[in-house]
């Protein structure tokens, strides 16, 4: 609900539409932004406050639809550690 370029009705419609597909996935990975520096690559926002707000929105949506999620993994650490965690989950 944070994107200013999308009206609220379209945001709610997309959320409802997307929530119908959560149970189709074997895993949902939440990749924590903690420990990762913001990178100015010309596309990604480097606004720290916005990053926090986005993370809070993702967390809210996960809590709201967690009952539909088959496998949920919270991923943290360095890039290498994050890759290892994902691979361990999908290969187990």
N, C-alpha and C. Protein backbone atom coordinates (compact mmCIF):
# COMPACT_ATOMS: atom_id res chain seq x y z
N UNK A 1 0.81 -1.21 0.00
CA UNK A 1 0.00 0.00 0.00
C UNK A 1 0.85 1.27 0.00
N UNK A 2 2.13 1.14 -0.18
CA UNK A 2 3.02 2.30 -0.08
C UNK A 2 3.30 2.98 -1.40
N UNK A 3 3.14 2.29 -2.50
CA UNK A 3 3.44 2.88 -3.81
C UNK A 3 2.46 4.01 -4.09
N UNK A 4 3.00 5.19 -4.34
CA UNK A 4 2.16 6.36 -4.58
C UNK A 4 1.58 6.39 -6.00
N UNK A 5 2.18 5.63 -6.91
CA UNK A 5 1.73 5.66 -8.30
C UNK A 5 0.56 4.72 -8.58
N UNK A 6 0.12 3.95 -7.57
CA UNK A 6 -0.97 3.00 -7.75
C UNK A 6 -2.11 3.40 -6.83
N UNK A 7 -3.33 3.46 -7.36
CA UNK A 7 -4.45 3.86 -6.51
C UNK A 7 -4.84 2.73 -5.56
N UNK A 8 -5.49 3.08 -4.47
CA UNK A 8 -5.80 2.16 -3.38
C UNK A 8 -6.68 1.00 -3.84
N UNK A 9 -7.59 1.22 -4.74
CA UNK A 9 -8.47 0.15 -5.23
C UNK A 9 -7.65 -0.90 -5.98
N UNK A 10 -6.72 -0.45 -6.82
CA UNK A 10 -5.86 -1.39 -7.54
C UNK A 10 -4.93 -2.14 -6.58
N UNK A 11 -4.45 -1.46 -5.55
CA UNK A 11 -3.59 -2.10 -4.56
C UNK A 11 -4.34 -3.22 -3.85
N UNK A 12 -5.56 -2.93 -3.42
CA UNK A 12 -6.36 -3.93 -2.72
C UNK A 12 -6.73 -5.08 -3.65
N UNK A 13 -7.05 -4.77 -4.88
CA UNK A 13 -7.38 -5.83 -5.86
C UNK A 13 -6.18 -6.74 -6.07
N UNK A 14 -4.99 -6.15 -6.21
CA UNK A 14 -3.79 -6.97 -6.41
C UNK A 14 -3.51 -7.84 -5.20
N UNK A 15 -3.64 -7.27 -4.00
CA UNK A 15 -3.41 -8.05 -2.79
C UNK A 15 -4.36 -9.24 -2.73
N UNK A 16 -5.64 -9.01 -3.00
CA UNK A 16 -6.63 -10.10 -2.98
C UNK A 16 -6.31 -11.15 -4.03
N UNK A 17 -5.95 -10.70 -5.23
CA UNK A 17 -5.60 -11.60 -6.32
C UNK A 17 -4.38 -12.44 -5.95
N UNK A 18 -3.33 -11.79 -5.48
CA UNK A 18 -2.09 -12.48 -5.13
C UNK A 18 -2.28 -13.44 -3.96
N UNK A 19 -3.11 -13.08 -3.00
CA UNK A 19 -3.31 -13.94 -1.82
C UNK A 19 -3.93 -15.28 -2.19
N UNK A 20 -4.62 -15.32 -3.31
CA UNK A 20 -5.23 -16.59 -3.75
C UNK A 20 -4.18 -17.61 -4.21
N UNK A 21 -2.98 -17.16 -4.52
CA UNK A 21 -1.95 -18.04 -5.05
C UNK A 21 -0.91 -18.47 -4.01
N UNK A 22 -0.95 -17.92 -2.82
CA UNK A 22 0.05 -18.23 -1.80
C UNK A 22 0.12 -19.74 -1.54
N UNK A 23 -1.02 -20.38 -1.45
CA UNK A 23 -1.03 -21.81 -1.12
C UNK A 23 -0.51 -22.68 -2.26
N UNK A 24 -0.29 -22.10 -3.42
CA UNK A 24 0.26 -22.85 -4.56
C UNK A 24 1.77 -23.05 -4.45
N UNK A 25 2.42 -22.30 -3.58
CA UNK A 25 3.86 -22.36 -3.43
C UNK A 25 4.25 -23.27 -2.27
N UNK A 26 5.34 -24.02 -2.43
CA UNK A 26 5.82 -24.88 -1.36
C UNK A 26 6.50 -24.08 -0.26
N UNK A 27 7.16 -23.00 -0.62
CA UNK A 27 7.89 -22.18 0.34
C UNK A 27 7.65 -20.71 0.07
N UNK A 28 7.67 -19.96 1.15
CA UNK A 28 7.69 -18.51 1.08
C UNK A 28 8.90 -18.08 1.90
N UNK A 29 9.82 -17.36 1.28
CA UNK A 29 11.02 -16.90 1.95
C UNK A 29 10.89 -15.41 2.24
N UNK A 30 11.06 -15.07 3.51
CA UNK A 30 11.14 -13.67 3.89
C UNK A 30 12.62 -13.34 4.01
N UNK A 31 13.10 -12.48 3.14
CA UNK A 31 14.51 -12.10 3.14
C UNK A 31 14.64 -10.79 3.91
N UNK A 32 15.16 -10.88 5.12
CA UNK A 32 15.28 -9.71 5.97
C UNK A 32 16.26 -8.69 5.38
N UNK A 33 15.91 -7.41 5.43
CA UNK A 33 16.84 -6.39 4.97
C UNK A 33 17.93 -6.07 6.00
N UNK A 34 17.78 -6.59 7.21
CA UNK A 34 18.76 -6.31 8.27
C UNK A 34 20.14 -6.81 7.86
N UNK A 35 21.13 -5.97 8.06
CA UNK A 35 22.50 -6.34 7.76
C UNK A 35 22.91 -6.13 6.31
N UNK A 36 22.01 -5.61 5.50
CA UNK A 36 22.32 -5.36 4.09
C UNK A 36 22.27 -3.85 3.85
N UNK A 37 23.35 -3.31 3.36
CA UNK A 37 23.42 -1.88 3.09
C UNK A 37 22.53 -1.51 1.90
N UNK A 38 21.94 -0.33 1.97
CA UNK A 38 21.22 0.19 0.81
C UNK A 38 22.22 0.50 -0.29
N UNK A 39 21.88 0.12 -1.50
CA UNK A 39 22.79 0.31 -2.63
C UNK A 39 22.14 1.25 -3.65
N UNK A 40 22.83 2.31 -3.96
CA UNK A 40 22.33 3.25 -4.96
C UNK A 40 22.73 2.76 -6.35
N UNK A 41 21.80 2.03 -6.97
CA UNK A 41 22.08 1.49 -8.31
C UNK A 41 21.30 2.24 -9.39
N UNK A 42 20.72 3.37 -9.02
CA UNK A 42 19.98 4.17 -9.98
C UNK A 42 18.53 3.76 -10.12
N UNK A 43 18.16 2.62 -9.55
CA UNK A 43 16.78 2.12 -9.64
C UNK A 43 16.17 2.01 -8.25
N UNK A 44 16.88 1.32 -7.38
CA UNK A 44 16.41 1.04 -6.03
C UNK A 44 16.42 2.33 -5.19
N UNK A 45 15.39 2.49 -4.38
CA UNK A 45 15.33 3.64 -3.48
C UNK A 45 16.40 3.49 -2.39
N UNK A 46 17.02 4.59 -2.03
CA UNK A 46 18.00 4.59 -0.94
C UNK A 46 17.45 5.32 0.29
N UNK A 47 16.15 5.48 0.32
CA UNK A 47 15.47 6.12 1.44
C UNK A 47 15.28 5.10 2.56
N UNK A 48 16.03 5.26 3.65
CA UNK A 48 16.00 4.30 4.75
C UNK A 48 14.61 4.20 5.39
N UNK A 49 13.93 5.33 5.56
CA UNK A 49 12.58 5.33 6.15
C UNK A 49 11.61 4.53 5.27
N UNK A 50 11.71 4.70 3.97
CA UNK A 50 10.86 3.97 3.03
C UNK A 50 11.15 2.47 3.12
N UNK A 51 12.43 2.12 3.25
CA UNK A 51 12.81 0.72 3.38
C UNK A 51 12.16 0.10 4.62
N UNK A 52 12.18 0.82 5.72
CA UNK A 52 11.55 0.33 6.95
C UNK A 52 10.04 0.15 6.74
N UNK A 53 9.42 1.12 6.10
CA UNK A 53 7.97 1.05 5.84
C UNK A 53 7.63 -0.14 4.95
N UNK A 54 8.44 -0.39 3.92
CA UNK A 54 8.21 -1.53 3.03
C UNK A 54 8.35 -2.83 3.81
N UNK A 55 9.38 -2.93 4.65
CA UNK A 55 9.57 -4.14 5.44
C UNK A 55 8.39 -4.36 6.39
N UNK A 56 7.88 -3.31 6.98
CA UNK A 56 6.73 -3.43 7.87
C UNK A 56 5.49 -3.89 7.10
N UNK A 57 5.33 -3.41 5.87
CA UNK A 57 4.19 -3.83 5.04
C UNK A 57 4.32 -5.30 4.66
N UNK A 58 5.51 -5.73 4.30
CA UNK A 58 5.73 -7.14 3.98
C UNK A 58 5.42 -8.01 5.19
N UNK A 59 5.90 -7.61 6.36
CA UNK A 59 5.65 -8.34 7.59
C UNK A 59 4.15 -8.41 7.88
N UNK A 60 3.45 -7.31 7.66
CA UNK A 60 1.99 -7.28 7.88
C UNK A 60 1.29 -8.28 6.95
N UNK A 61 1.68 -8.30 5.69
CA UNK A 61 1.05 -9.20 4.73
C UNK A 61 1.35 -10.66 5.05
N UNK A 62 2.57 -10.94 5.48
CA UNK A 62 2.90 -12.32 5.87
C UNK A 62 2.04 -12.75 7.05
N UNK A 63 1.90 -11.88 8.05
CA UNK A 63 1.06 -12.20 9.21
C UNK A 63 -0.39 -12.42 8.80
N UNK A 64 -0.87 -11.59 7.91
CA UNK A 64 -2.26 -11.67 7.47
C UNK A 64 -2.56 -12.97 6.73
N UNK A 65 -1.61 -13.44 5.91
CA UNK A 65 -1.86 -14.60 5.07
C UNK A 65 -1.06 -15.84 5.48
N UNK A 66 -0.46 -15.82 6.66
CA UNK A 66 0.39 -16.93 7.09
C UNK A 66 -0.37 -18.25 7.11
N UNK A 67 -1.65 -18.24 7.40
CA UNK A 67 -2.44 -19.48 7.45
C UNK A 67 -2.51 -20.18 6.10
N UNK A 68 -2.21 -19.46 5.01
CA UNK A 68 -2.23 -20.04 3.67
C UNK A 68 -0.86 -20.56 3.23
N UNK A 69 0.17 -20.28 4.02
CA UNK A 69 1.55 -20.58 3.62
C UNK A 69 1.93 -21.99 4.08
N UNK A 70 2.39 -22.83 3.15
CA UNK A 70 2.80 -24.20 3.48
C UNK A 70 4.13 -24.20 4.23
N UNK A 71 5.13 -23.60 3.64
CA UNK A 71 6.45 -23.57 4.25
C UNK A 71 6.97 -22.15 4.29
N UNK A 72 7.32 -21.70 5.47
CA UNK A 72 7.79 -20.33 5.62
C UNK A 72 9.18 -20.34 6.21
N UNK A 73 10.09 -19.60 5.61
CA UNK A 73 11.45 -19.50 6.10
C UNK A 73 11.85 -18.03 6.23
N UNK A 74 12.42 -17.69 7.38
CA UNK A 74 12.93 -16.36 7.66
C UNK A 74 14.42 -16.39 7.37
N UNK A 75 14.89 -15.62 6.40
CA UNK A 75 16.26 -15.67 5.92
C UNK A 75 17.03 -14.42 6.36
N UNK A 76 18.21 -14.64 6.97
CA UNK A 76 19.06 -13.54 7.42
C UNK A 76 20.51 -13.87 7.13
N UNK A 77 21.39 -12.91 7.42
CA UNK A 77 22.82 -13.14 7.31
C UNK A 77 23.43 -12.51 6.08
N UNK A 78 24.65 -12.91 5.80
CA UNK A 78 25.35 -12.41 4.61
C UNK A 78 24.69 -13.00 3.36
N UNK A 79 25.06 -12.49 2.21
CA UNK A 79 24.50 -13.02 0.96
C UNK A 79 24.76 -14.52 0.87
N UNK A 80 25.97 -14.93 1.18
CA UNK A 80 26.33 -16.35 1.11
C UNK A 80 25.49 -17.17 2.09
N UNK A 81 25.31 -16.66 3.31
CA UNK A 81 24.50 -17.36 4.31
C UNK A 81 23.04 -17.45 3.87
N UNK A 82 22.54 -16.42 3.25
CA UNK A 82 21.15 -16.41 2.78
C UNK A 82 20.96 -17.45 1.68
N UNK A 83 21.91 -17.50 0.75
CA UNK A 83 21.83 -18.50 -0.32
C UNK A 83 21.85 -19.89 0.28
N UNK A 84 22.74 -20.12 1.23
CA UNK A 84 22.86 -21.43 1.87
C UNK A 84 21.54 -21.82 2.55
N UNK A 85 20.91 -20.89 3.25
CA UNK A 85 19.65 -21.16 3.94
C UNK A 85 18.55 -21.56 2.96
N UNK A 86 18.47 -20.83 1.84
CA UNK A 86 17.44 -21.15 0.85
C UNK A 86 17.70 -22.52 0.25
N UNK A 87 18.95 -22.78 -0.14
CA UNK A 87 19.28 -24.07 -0.74
C UNK A 87 19.04 -25.23 0.23
N UNK A 88 19.38 -25.04 1.49
CA UNK A 88 19.14 -26.09 2.50
C UNK A 88 17.65 -26.37 2.63
N UNK A 89 16.84 -25.33 2.57
CA UNK A 89 15.39 -25.51 2.70
C UNK A 89 14.82 -26.26 1.51
N UNK A 90 15.18 -25.84 0.30
CA UNK A 90 14.56 -26.47 -0.86
C UNK A 90 15.15 -27.85 -1.17
N UNK A 91 16.33 -28.14 -0.64
CA UNK A 91 16.95 -29.45 -0.88
C UNK A 91 16.67 -30.46 0.23
N UNK A 92 15.95 -30.04 1.27
CA UNK A 92 15.68 -30.98 2.38
C UNK A 92 14.37 -31.72 2.18
